[in-house]
Amino acid sequence: MKLFRDYDEKCPLSIEAYAQGLKGHTFQDVIDWAFESFETGKQDASNAVELFGNACRKGGLGNLLEQLYFGYDINSDSSADFKFAGVELKVTPYELRRDGSKRAGERLVLTMISYNEPVEPEFYKSHLWEKCRLLLLVYYLRDKSLDDNLLYHIDYVKLFTPPLSDLKIMEEDYKTIISKIADGKAHELSESDTMYLGACTKGATAAKSTVPQFYNPEVKARKRAFCFKNSYMTTVLNDYIVKDITTYEPIIKDDSILKNKTFAEYITEKINAYVGKSDAELCELFQREYNNNKAQWYDLVFRMLGIKSTKAAEFQKANIVVKAIRLTSTGKMVESSPLPPLSFQQLVSEDWEDSSLYEYLSETKFLFVVYQQEVSHYVLKGCQLWNMPYNDLNVEVQEGWNKIKETIANGLVLRKKQRKNGFVIENNLPKKKDNKIIHIRPHSQKSFYVLEDGEVCGSGTYSDAGKLPDGRWMTKQSFWLNNDYVLSILEKSLTK
């Protein structure tokens, strides 16, 4: 293929049309085209492979397209990549799940957050808006079976501007982030503070990437960048880029709804409009079978929000997890709240800020919807949109995580103990009382163990267990949020 770079640098549609030539090809193809088209030597091509194909180099594939395909020099100019057209080029991976569905490979970093100057209070006047208002998204398939990232295939190319309903929420997110910075609390920023727009950390380690804050120079904060969250980018990929049929329904069906209220205010009002109604009354109102199973109270949340399924588009994009909480008649919370299951072998190889638990809790918002028992039914009491505070996550949870990791890595004891009706397998993992926020306990309903001597125990199979670092097998475990910790959050919300 001959490269002529014959696009109009002032016209977004011309840039997009030229970029369409990338579809179905690899990054190595681009290198080959460039050096065939412009008669440079083999040594230059070899240098390009070494320069751009370095998997450790962040942004290498994007730089390759900038320089070799589009023909403009890599620079540190803060304006949009195609400044005359106002277009920002973003080269980003996607991955295939086991079921064949597609997900974004990572969050999309937009621009660094400056701690050297006052914040810009207006989203639409900010440097961030300049960098995200018109994106040329180039998606490539990150195929982990390939050793050479230059062989990754480019599959989708499209101009993208966030729709108005998303921009309303991003504007709220922006205000949340800059308000924290302006209050001198940049060191407490977390991706879970916000919905679609995140403040992700930048730098290899916390020690090497902390800098003084403009508003609080005595306290250093991690370098961060504005980004579109991974969950948001997955929705963009499927709904706007690939144009797959989506099963997600929007809560906001009219953009004018968010003109005078935030998204959080809107969903809180929607649910709280039903406070005082019993689960039986809600089931009758929304024509749902009353069957008293756990899914019932969860399903009702979405019915109250005007969603027929349990998949809300905004929740998918913002990584909001719904938790239906049931209290006893005396206000006690009997059950702790489960988090996703963990991998023993992955856990022992992780550092805290790269761990799956940190990623989940730092990027997830929870919508707690509370029902309280009254006689034979549960009555809706209210709701709260919540994310874990910085100190809770990075002090208490991290401490609990470290102790669990150390036990699994260096000294996990599995002891078979006889009881009247059989036997149990006891372990020395930290208990719920050892940490005020999290604990670890079985995720599977069936137990399964393979002990050090090879003895197999339990009613389950290998699918109910995980392999330990030393080769033994243990019933799958999850981290859980302690019930008394969650209750303390709800008491603050429901007693207002």
Protein backbone atom coordinates (compact mmCIF):
# COMPACT_ATOMS: atom_id res chain seq x y z
CA MET A 1 0.00 0.00 0.00
CA LYS A 2 1.27 3.43 -0.91
CA LEU A 3 0.90 6.20 1.70
CA PHE A 4 0.15 9.67 0.34
CA ARG A 5 -1.07 11.27 3.59
CA ASP A 6 -3.61 13.08 1.46
CA TYR A 7 -6.04 14.25 4.10
CA ASP A 8 -7.23 17.74 4.94
CA GLU A 9 -5.74 18.57 8.32
CA LYS A 10 -8.51 21.13 8.90
CA CYS A 11 -11.38 18.69 8.30
CA PRO A 12 -12.29 16.03 10.91
CA LEU A 13 -14.19 13.94 8.36
CA SER A 14 -11.22 13.93 5.99
CA ILE A 15 -8.92 12.80 8.82
CA GLU A 16 -11.38 10.03 9.73
CA ALA A 17 -11.72 8.89 6.11
CA TYR A 18 -7.94 8.63 5.77
CA ALA A 19 -7.70 6.76 9.09
CA GLN A 20 -10.20 4.17 7.83
CA GLY A 21 -7.33 2.77 5.75
CA LEU A 22 -5.92 1.29 8.98
CA LYS A 23 -8.82 -1.10 9.49
CA GLY A 24 -7.96 -4.75 9.06
CA HIS A 25 -4.21 -4.12 9.19
CA THR A 26 -1.46 -4.43 11.77
CA PHE A 27 0.99 -1.87 13.14
CA GLN A 28 3.76 -3.73 11.34
CA ASP A 29 1.89 -3.08 8.08
CA VAL A 30 2.05 0.65 8.81
CA ILE A 31 5.82 0.46 9.31
CA ASP A 32 6.19 -1.42 6.03
CA TRP A 33 3.99 1.05 4.13
CA ALA A 34 5.83 4.07 5.48
CA PHE A 35 9.29 2.89 4.54
CA GLU A 36 8.19 1.60 1.15
CA SER A 37 6.35 4.83 0.36
CA PHE A 38 9.01 7.29 1.38
CA GLU A 39 12.09 5.36 0.28
CA THR A 40 13.89 5.24 3.58
CA GLY A 41 16.35 2.47 4.31
CA LYS A 42 15.94 -0.90 5.99
CA GLN A 43 17.93 0.36 8.95
CA ASP A 44 15.29 3.05 9.55
CA ALA A 45 12.58 0.38 9.45
CA SER A 46 14.53 -1.69 11.94
CA ASN A 47 14.89 1.32 14.23
CA ALA A 48 11.15 1.95 14.01
CA VAL A 49 10.39 -1.62 15.06
CA GLU A 50 12.69 -1.24 18.04
CA LEU A 51 11.31 2.19 18.95
CA PHE A 52 7.57 1.68 18.53
CA GLY A 53 7.32 -2.05 19.17
CA ASN A 54 8.68 -1.82 22.71
CA ALA A 55 5.81 -3.19 24.81
CA CYS A 56 7.15 -1.33 27.85
CA ARG A 57 6.83 2.02 26.11
CA LYS A 58 3.52 3.65 26.99
CA GLY A 59 1.92 5.21 23.94
CA GLY A 60 4.33 3.60 21.50
CA LEU A 61 1.64 2.34 19.14
CA GLY A 62 -0.07 5.71 19.15
CA ASN A 63 3.24 7.44 18.40
CA LEU A 64 3.78 5.01 15.53
CA LEU A 65 0.52 6.06 13.85
CA GLU A 66 1.14 9.75 14.52
CA GLN A 67 4.58 9.77 12.94
CA LEU A 68 4.44 7.11 10.24
CA TYR A 69 0.81 7.03 9.13
CA PHE A 70 -0.37 10.60 9.65
CA GLY A 71 3.06 12.15 9.14
CA TYR A 72 3.31 14.64 11.97
CA ASP A 73 6.12 14.84 14.49
CA ILE A 74 5.62 13.67 18.04
CA ASN A 75 5.66 16.65 20.38
CA SER A 76 4.58 17.78 23.82
CA ASP A 77 2.18 20.42 22.46
CA SER A 78 -0.81 20.62 24.79
CA SER A 79 -3.29 21.36 21.99
CA ALA A 80 -5.23 18.66 20.14
CA ASP A 81 -3.18 16.32 17.92
CA PHE A 82 -4.84 17.66 14.76
CA LYS A 83 -5.05 21.20 16.11
CA PHE A 84 -6.58 22.82 13.02
CA ALA A 85 -9.46 20.33 13.12
CA GLY A 86 -9.68 20.07 16.92
CA VAL A 87 -9.28 16.28 16.75
CA GLU A 88 -7.40 14.25 19.38
CA LEU A 89 -6.03 10.86 18.26
CA LYS A 90 -6.43 8.03 20.75
CA VAL A 91 -5.10 4.56 19.98
CA THR A 92 -6.54 2.13 22.50
CA PRO A 93 -6.88 -1.65 22.94
CA TYR A 94 -9.91 -3.84 23.29
CA GLU A 95 -10.09 -7.46 24.39
CA LEU A 96 -12.39 -10.41 23.81
CA ARG A 97 -14.06 -12.06 26.77
CA ARG A 98 -14.47 -15.82 26.89
CA ASP A 99 -18.05 -15.48 25.69
CA GLY A 100 -16.89 -13.53 22.62
CA SER A 101 -18.13 -10.14 23.82
CA LYS A 102 -15.86 -7.12 23.65
CA ARG A 103 -14.53 -4.91 26.42
CA ALA A 104 -12.13 -1.99 26.56
CA GLY A 105 -8.59 -3.06 27.38
CA GLU A 106 -7.95 -0.09 29.64
CA ARG A 107 -9.14 3.36 30.69
CA LEU A 108 -8.54 6.15 28.16
CA VAL A 109 -6.09 8.73 29.51
CA LEU A 110 -7.01 12.21 28.25
CA THR A 111 -4.66 14.76 29.80
CA MET A 112 -2.60 15.29 32.94
CA ILE A 113 -4.06 17.09 35.93
CA SER A 114 -1.84 20.02 36.86
CA TYR A 115 -1.01 20.64 40.52
CA ASN A 116 1.13 23.67 39.59
CA GLU A 117 -1.63 26.19 39.03
CA PRO A 118 -5.19 27.10 40.04
CA VAL A 119 -7.92 24.83 38.73
CA GLU A 120 -10.24 25.92 35.93
CA PRO A 121 -13.75 25.89 37.43
CA GLU A 122 -15.61 25.60 34.10
CA PHE A 123 -15.56 22.20 32.37
CA TYR A 124 -16.13 23.70 28.91
CA LYS A 125 -13.28 26.18 29.38
CA SER A 126 -10.85 23.55 30.61
CA HIS A 127 -7.91 21.98 28.81
CA LEU A 128 -9.63 18.66 29.40
CA TRP A 129 -12.58 19.68 27.20
CA GLU A 130 -10.17 20.63 24.42
CA LYS A 131 -8.67 17.12 24.62
CA CYS A 132 -11.91 15.13 24.72
CA ARG A 133 -14.55 17.03 22.76
CA LEU A 134 -13.68 15.28 19.46
CA LEU A 135 -11.72 12.03 19.56
CA LEU A 136 -10.49 9.88 16.71
CA LEU A 137 -10.66 6.47 18.35
CA VAL A 138 -8.51 3.72 16.85
CA TYR A 139 -9.25 0.38 18.52
CA TYR A 140 -6.90 -2.57 18.12
CA LEU A 141 -7.38 -6.11 19.39
CA ARG A 142 -4.91 -6.89 22.16
CA ASP A 143 -4.23 -10.55 21.46
CA LYS A 144 -2.18 -11.88 24.36
CA SER A 145 -1.24 -15.00 22.39
CA LEU A 146 1.01 -12.79 20.23
CA ASP A 147 4.51 -12.00 21.48
CA ASP A 148 4.86 -8.99 19.16
CA ASN A 149 2.51 -6.07 19.76
CA LEU A 150 3.22 -4.77 16.25
CA LEU A 151 1.15 -7.71 14.99
CA TYR A 152 -2.00 -6.51 16.78
CA HIS A 153 -4.88 -5.91 14.36
CA ILE A 154 -6.58 -2.52 14.04
CA ASP A 155 -10.31 -3.21 13.78
CA TYR A 156 -12.27 -0.01 14.45
CA VAL A 157 -11.73 3.65 13.55
CA LYS A 158 -14.29 6.34 14.35
CA LEU A 159 -14.71 9.96 15.39
CA PHE A 160 -16.43 10.18 18.75
CA THR A 161 -17.88 13.00 20.84
CA PRO A 162 -19.56 12.09 24.14
CA PRO A 163 -23.34 12.52 23.80
CA LEU A 164 -25.04 15.35 25.66
CA SER A 165 -26.46 13.10 28.39
CA ASP A 166 -22.95 11.78 29.10
CA LEU A 167 -21.45 15.28 29.07
CA LYS A 168 -23.90 16.38 31.76
CA ILE A 169 -22.54 13.64 34.02
CA MET A 170 -18.93 14.33 33.03
CA GLU A 171 -19.44 17.96 33.99
CA GLU A 172 -20.49 16.79 37.47
CA ASP A 173 -17.46 14.49 37.59
CA TYR A 174 -15.15 17.35 36.65
CA LYS A 175 -16.55 19.55 39.42
CA THR A 176 -16.08 16.73 41.95
CA ILE A 177 -12.42 16.28 40.99
CA ILE A 178 -11.42 19.94 40.88
CA SER A 179 -13.31 20.69 44.11
CA LYS A 180 -11.20 18.11 45.92
CA ILE A 181 -8.04 19.58 44.41
CA ALA A 182 -9.09 23.12 45.34
CA ASP A 183 -9.73 21.96 48.92
CA GLY A 184 -6.12 20.75 49.14
CA LYS A 185 -7.19 17.10 49.05
CA ALA A 186 -5.66 15.95 45.78
CA HIS A 187 -3.95 13.18 47.76
CA GLU A 188 -7.41 11.77 48.55
CA LEU A 189 -8.63 11.55 44.94
CA SER A 190 -10.06 8.21 43.86
CA GLU A 191 -11.57 7.02 40.59
CA SER A 192 -14.62 5.88 42.51
CA ASP A 193 -15.39 9.52 43.42
CA THR A 194 -16.92 9.99 40.00
CA MET A 195 -19.08 8.37 37.32
CA TYR A 196 -17.61 8.41 33.80
CA LEU A 197 -14.64 10.76 34.10
CA GLY A 198 -11.89 9.54 36.41
CA ALA A 199 -8.68 10.85 37.98
CA CYS A 200 -6.25 7.95 37.44
CA THR A 201 -2.78 7.74 38.91
CA LYS A 202 0.29 8.23 36.72
CA GLY A 203 3.78 6.98 37.47
CA ALA A 204 5.33 3.61 38.14
CA THR A 205 5.25 3.85 41.92
CA ALA A 206 3.68 6.09 44.53
CA ALA A 207 7.10 7.13 45.85
CA LYS A 208 8.32 8.29 42.44
CA SER A 209 5.17 10.08 41.35
CA THR A 210 4.17 12.25 44.29
CA VAL A 211 4.39 16.03 43.93
CA PRO A 212 3.40 19.08 46.02
CA GLN A 213 -0.12 20.42 45.64
CA PHE A 214 -0.78 24.00 44.58
CA TYR A 215 -3.48 24.36 47.26
CA ASN A 216 -1.75 22.29 49.95
CA PRO A 217 2.02 22.27 49.27
CA GLU A 218 2.84 20.61 52.59
CA VAL A 219 1.08 17.39 51.56
CA LYS A 220 2.27 15.60 48.43
CA ALA A 221 -0.21 13.90 46.09
CA ARG A 222 0.06 11.24 43.40
CA LYS A 223 0.31 12.55 39.87
CA ARG A 224 -3.01 11.97 38.16
CA ALA A 225 -4.63 12.37 34.77
CA PHE A 226 -8.18 12.86 33.63
CA CYS A 227 -9.44 9.69 31.98
CA PHE A 228 -12.55 7.99 30.68
CA LYS A 229 -13.07 4.98 32.92
CA ASN A 230 -12.63 1.47 31.57
CA SER A 231 -16.32 0.77 32.11
CA TYR A 232 -17.26 3.87 30.12
CA MET A 233 -14.90 2.96 27.29
CA THR A 234 -16.42 -0.53 27.09
CA THR A 235 -19.82 1.04 26.54
CA VAL A 236 -18.40 3.45 23.95
CA LEU A 237 -16.83 0.51 22.13
CA ASN A 238 -19.98 -1.58 22.01
CA ASP A 239 -22.65 1.09 21.62
CA TYR A 240 -20.93 3.70 19.46
CA ILE A 241 -17.98 2.05 17.73
CA VAL A 242 -18.92 -1.54 17.02
CA LYS A 243 -22.65 -0.69 17.04
CA ASP A 244 -23.55 -4.02 18.54
CA ILE A 245 -27.11 -4.43 19.77
CA THR A 246 -27.04 -3.46 23.42
CA THR A 247 -29.24 -4.77 26.22
CA TYR A 248 -28.62 -1.73 28.39
CA GLU A 249 -31.44 0.74 28.92
CA PRO A 250 -30.90 4.43 29.74
CA ILE A 251 -32.30 5.82 32.98
CA ILE A 252 -32.06 9.33 31.55
CA LYS A 253 -34.42 9.29 28.57
CA ASP A 254 -34.61 13.09 28.23
CA ASP A 255 -31.44 15.18 28.42
CA SER A 256 -33.34 18.13 29.90
CA ILE A 257 -33.79 16.12 33.14
CA LEU A 258 -30.22 16.95 34.14
CA LYS A 259 -30.55 20.66 33.43
CA ASN A 260 -31.28 21.57 37.06
CA LYS A 261 -30.18 18.48 39.00
CA THR A 262 -27.33 16.01 39.09
CA PHE A 263 -27.59 12.39 38.08
CA ALA A 264 -27.13 11.32 41.70
CA GLU A 265 -29.97 13.62 42.80
CA TYR A 266 -32.23 12.27 40.07
CA ILE A 267 -31.82 8.56 40.89
CA THR A 268 -32.08 9.25 44.62
CA GLU A 269 -35.35 11.13 44.07
CA LYS A 270 -36.68 8.34 41.83
CA ILE A 271 -36.09 5.65 44.46
CA ASN A 272 -37.03 7.71 47.50
CA ALA A 273 -40.40 8.46 45.91
CA TYR A 274 -41.33 4.89 46.92
CA VAL A 275 -40.09 5.07 50.53
CA GLY A 276 -42.61 3.46 52.88
CA LYS A 277 -43.89 0.91 50.37
CA SER A 278 -43.41 -2.79 51.09
CA ASP A 279 -41.76 -5.23 48.72
CA ALA A 280 -45.17 -6.84 48.12
CA GLU A 281 -46.68 -3.48 47.17
CA LEU A 282 -43.76 -2.70 44.87
CA CYS A 283 -44.03 -6.10 43.17
CA GLU A 284 -47.73 -5.50 42.56
CA LEU A 285 -47.08 -1.96 41.31
CA PHE A 286 -44.44 -3.10 38.82
CA GLN A 287 -46.24 -6.35 37.93
CA ARG A 288 -43.43 -8.54 39.19
CA GLU A 289 -43.98 -11.91 40.80
CA TYR A 290 -43.55 -11.78 44.58
CA ASN A 291 -41.33 -14.79 45.30
CA ASN A 292 -39.28 -13.61 48.29
CA ASN A 293 -35.91 -14.58 46.83
CA LYS A 294 -32.77 -12.44 46.92
CA ALA A 295 -33.13 -11.26 43.33
CA GLN A 296 -36.50 -9.72 44.13
CA TRP A 297 -35.19 -6.73 46.12
CA TYR A 298 -32.43 -6.17 43.57
CA ASP A 299 -34.84 -6.25 40.61
CA LEU A 300 -37.16 -3.75 42.28
CA VAL A 301 -34.40 -1.12 42.32
CA PHE A 302 -34.34 -1.02 38.53
CA ARG A 303 -38.13 -1.00 38.29
CA MET A 304 -38.18 2.10 40.50
CA LEU A 305 -35.63 3.70 38.15
CA GLY A 306 -37.82 2.95 35.14
CA ILE A 307 -35.68 0.08 33.82
CA LYS A 308 -37.33 -3.16 32.72
CA SER A 309 -34.13 -5.20 32.91
CA THR A 310 -31.34 -5.04 35.51
CA LYS A 311 -28.89 -3.39 33.12
CA ALA A 312 -28.88 0.40 33.24
CA ALA A 313 -26.71 2.13 30.63
CA GLU A 314 -25.48 4.82 33.02
CA PHE A 315 -24.59 2.24 35.67
CA GLN A 316 -22.61 0.25 33.12
CA LYS A 317 -20.68 3.32 31.98
CA ALA A 318 -20.03 4.60 35.51
CA ASN A 319 -19.29 1.20 37.08
CA ILE A 320 -22.10 1.56 39.63
CA VAL A 321 -22.94 -1.64 41.52
CA VAL A 322 -26.38 -1.98 43.09
CA LYS A 323 -26.54 -3.54 46.57
CA ALA A 324 -29.99 -4.35 47.96
CA ILE A 325 -29.57 -4.27 51.75
CA ARG A 326 -32.06 -5.89 54.12
CA LEU A 327 -32.26 -4.90 57.78
CA THR A 328 -34.04 -6.71 60.56
CA SER A 329 -36.99 -5.10 62.36
CA THR A 330 -34.53 -3.83 64.98
CA GLY A 331 -32.28 -2.24 62.36
CA LYS A 332 -29.52 -4.84 62.32
CA MET A 333 -27.79 -5.98 59.14
CA VAL A 334 -27.31 -9.73 59.34
CA GLU A 335 -25.39 -10.39 56.14
CA SER A 336 -22.07 -8.91 55.04
CA SER A 337 -21.78 -7.70 51.45
CA PRO A 338 -19.81 -9.85 48.97
CA LEU A 339 -17.24 -8.52 46.52
CA PRO A 340 -16.03 -10.39 43.41
CA PRO A 341 -14.19 -13.72 44.00
CA LEU A 342 -10.41 -13.65 44.22
CA SER A 343 -7.62 -15.74 42.73
CA PHE A 344 -5.16 -17.01 45.35
CA GLN A 345 -2.23 -17.16 42.94
CA GLN A 346 -2.95 -13.71 41.53
CA LEU A 347 -3.32 -12.22 45.01
CA VAL A 348 0.15 -13.26 46.20
CA SER A 349 1.80 -11.79 43.08
CA GLU A 350 0.12 -8.37 43.36
CA ASP A 351 1.20 -5.10 44.92
CA TRP A 352 -1.55 -3.13 46.63
CA GLU A 353 -2.10 -0.41 44.03
CA ASP A 354 -2.06 -3.00 41.23
CA SER A 355 -4.32 -5.42 43.06
CA SER A 356 -7.75 -6.47 41.85
CA LEU A 357 -9.28 -5.44 45.20
CA TYR A 358 -7.78 -1.93 45.04
CA GLU A 359 -8.87 -1.54 41.43
CA TYR A 360 -12.41 -2.66 42.23
CA LEU A 361 -12.93 -0.49 45.31
CA SER A 362 -11.14 2.58 43.89
CA GLU A 363 -13.17 2.54 40.67
CA THR A 364 -16.60 1.36 41.85
CA LYS A 365 -19.55 3.31 43.17
CA PHE A 366 -22.23 1.47 45.13
CA LEU A 367 -25.90 2.25 45.13
CA PHE A 368 -27.15 0.96 48.48
CA VAL A 369 -30.93 0.51 48.53
CA VAL A 370 -32.24 -0.34 51.98
CA TYR A 371 -35.27 -2.36 52.98
CA GLN A 372 -36.27 -3.04 56.60
CA GLN A 373 -38.35 -5.91 57.89
CA GLU A 374 -41.83 -5.06 59.16
CA VAL A 375 -43.85 -8.15 60.16
CA SER A 376 -43.78 -10.46 57.11
CA HIS A 377 -42.51 -7.98 54.51
CA TYR A 378 -39.60 -5.63 53.85
CA VAL A 379 -40.33 -1.91 53.53
CA LEU A 380 -38.21 0.49 51.45
CA LYS A 381 -36.33 2.93 53.72
CA GLY A 382 -34.15 4.85 51.26
CA CYS A 383 -30.98 4.77 49.17
CA GLN A 384 -27.46 6.13 49.03
CA LEU A 385 -24.87 6.45 46.25
CA TRP A 386 -21.49 5.83 47.90
CA ASN A 387 -17.85 5.14 47.21
CA MET A 388 -15.19 4.14 49.69
CA PRO A 389 -13.31 7.08 51.26
CA TYR A 390 -9.61 7.39 50.52
CA ASN A 391 -8.37 6.68 54.04
CA ASP A 392 -10.65 3.68 54.54
CA LEU A 393 -9.30 2.15 51.34
CA ASN A 394 -5.64 3.00 51.69
CA VAL A 395 -5.24 2.41 55.41
CA GLU A 396 -7.71 -0.08 56.86
CA VAL A 397 -8.50 -2.12 53.74
CA GLN A 398 -4.87 -2.18 52.64
CA GLU A 399 -3.83 -3.43 56.06
CA GLY A 400 -6.42 -6.22 55.96
CA TRP A 401 -5.43 -7.12 52.39
CA ASN A 402 -1.74 -7.32 53.37
CA LYS A 403 -2.44 -9.70 56.25
CA ILE A 404 -4.57 -12.00 54.08
CA LYS A 405 -1.98 -11.96 51.29
CA GLU A 406 0.84 -12.77 53.70
CA THR A 407 -1.10 -15.65 55.24
CA ILE A 408 -1.90 -17.21 51.86
CA ALA A 409 1.65 -16.70 50.58
CA ASN A 410 3.62 -17.84 53.58
CA GLY A 411 1.64 -19.73 56.16
CA LEU A 412 -1.87 -20.86 55.27
CA VAL A 413 -2.91 -23.72 57.52
CA LEU A 414 -5.67 -26.12 56.44
CA ARG A 415 -6.58 -28.40 59.32
CA LYS A 416 -9.15 -31.20 59.17
CA LYS A 417 -11.18 -31.25 62.36
CA GLN A 418 -13.74 -33.88 63.33
CA ARG A 419 -17.22 -32.80 64.40
CA LYS A 420 -20.29 -34.77 65.53
CA ASN A 421 -21.84 -34.73 62.07
CA GLY A 422 -18.63 -35.17 60.10
CA PHE A 423 -15.66 -32.86 59.78
CA VAL A 424 -14.70 -29.32 58.79
CA ILE A 425 -11.55 -27.79 57.36
CA GLU A 426 -10.31 -24.99 59.57
CA ASN A 427 -7.86 -22.31 58.43
CA ASN A 428 -5.83 -19.52 59.99
CA LEU A 429 -6.93 -16.71 57.67
CA PRO A 430 -7.68 -13.41 59.46
CA LYS A 431 -11.25 -13.30 60.77
CA LYS A 432 -13.92 -10.65 60.43
CA LYS A 433 -13.05 -9.19 63.84
CA ASP A 434 -9.47 -8.55 62.69
CA ASN A 435 -10.41 -5.69 60.33
CA LYS A 436 -13.24 -3.19 60.63
CA ILE A 437 -13.97 -3.05 56.88
CA ILE A 438 -13.16 -6.31 55.08
CA HIS A 439 -12.81 -10.00 55.69
CA ILE A 440 -12.40 -13.10 53.58
CA ARG A 441 -14.70 -16.09 53.49
CA PRO A 442 -16.03 -18.73 51.04
CA HIS A 443 -17.66 -17.59 47.82
CA SER A 444 -18.90 -21.01 46.72
CA GLN A 445 -21.91 -22.80 48.27
CA LYS A 446 -20.01 -26.09 48.11
CA SER A 447 -16.68 -26.79 49.78
CA PHE A 448 -13.72 -28.45 48.11
CA TYR A 449 -10.16 -28.99 49.31
CA VAL A 450 -7.08 -30.90 48.21
CA LEU A 451 -4.80 -31.15 51.24
CA GLU A 452 -1.03 -31.41 51.41
CA ASP A 453 -1.07 -35.21 51.41
CA GLY A 454 -3.38 -35.29 48.37
CA GLU A 455 -6.57 -36.06 50.30
CA VAL A 456 -9.68 -34.63 48.63
CA CYS A 457 -12.37 -33.23 50.95
CA GLY A 458 -15.73 -31.54 50.57
CA SER A 459 -18.99 -31.84 48.65
CA GLY A 460 -17.91 -29.83 45.60
CA THR A 461 -15.52 -30.18 42.67
CA TYR A 462 -12.49 -28.33 41.36
CA SER A 463 -14.84 -25.72 39.87
CA ASP A 464 -15.76 -24.73 43.47
CA ALA A 465 -12.13 -24.19 44.47
CA GLY A 466 -9.00 -22.24 43.67
CA LYS A 467 -5.41 -23.44 43.51
CA LEU A 468 -3.11 -22.18 46.24
CA PRO A 469 0.49 -21.08 45.53
CA ASP A 470 1.85 -24.31 47.09
CA GLY A 471 -0.33 -26.60 44.94
CA ARG A 472 -3.12 -27.32 47.44
CA TRP A 473 -6.71 -26.45 46.61
CA MET A 474 -9.14 -24.51 48.75
CA THR A 475 -12.81 -23.53 48.43
CA LYS A 476 -13.13 -20.28 46.43
CA GLN A 477 -13.00 -17.20 48.61
CA SER A 478 -14.13 -13.58 48.26
CA PHE A 479 -13.46 -10.39 50.10
CA TRP A 480 -16.58 -9.14 51.90
CA LEU A 481 -17.51 -5.72 53.26
CA ASN A 482 -18.28 -6.17 56.93
CA ASN A 483 -21.97 -5.76 57.74
CA ASP A 484 -21.35 -3.39 60.66
CA TYR A 485 -19.17 -1.17 58.43
CA VAL A 486 -21.87 -0.98 55.73
CA LEU A 487 -24.50 -0.34 58.41
CA SER A 488 -22.48 2.60 59.75
CA ILE A 489 -22.58 4.12 56.25
CA LEU A 490 -26.32 3.58 55.92
CA GLU A 491 -27.09 5.03 59.35
CA LYS A 492 -25.48 8.32 58.29
CA SER A 493 -27.62 8.41 55.18
CA LEU A 494 -30.96 7.22 56.52
CA THR A 495 -31.06 9.36 59.68
CA LYS A 496 -30.75 12.67 57.83
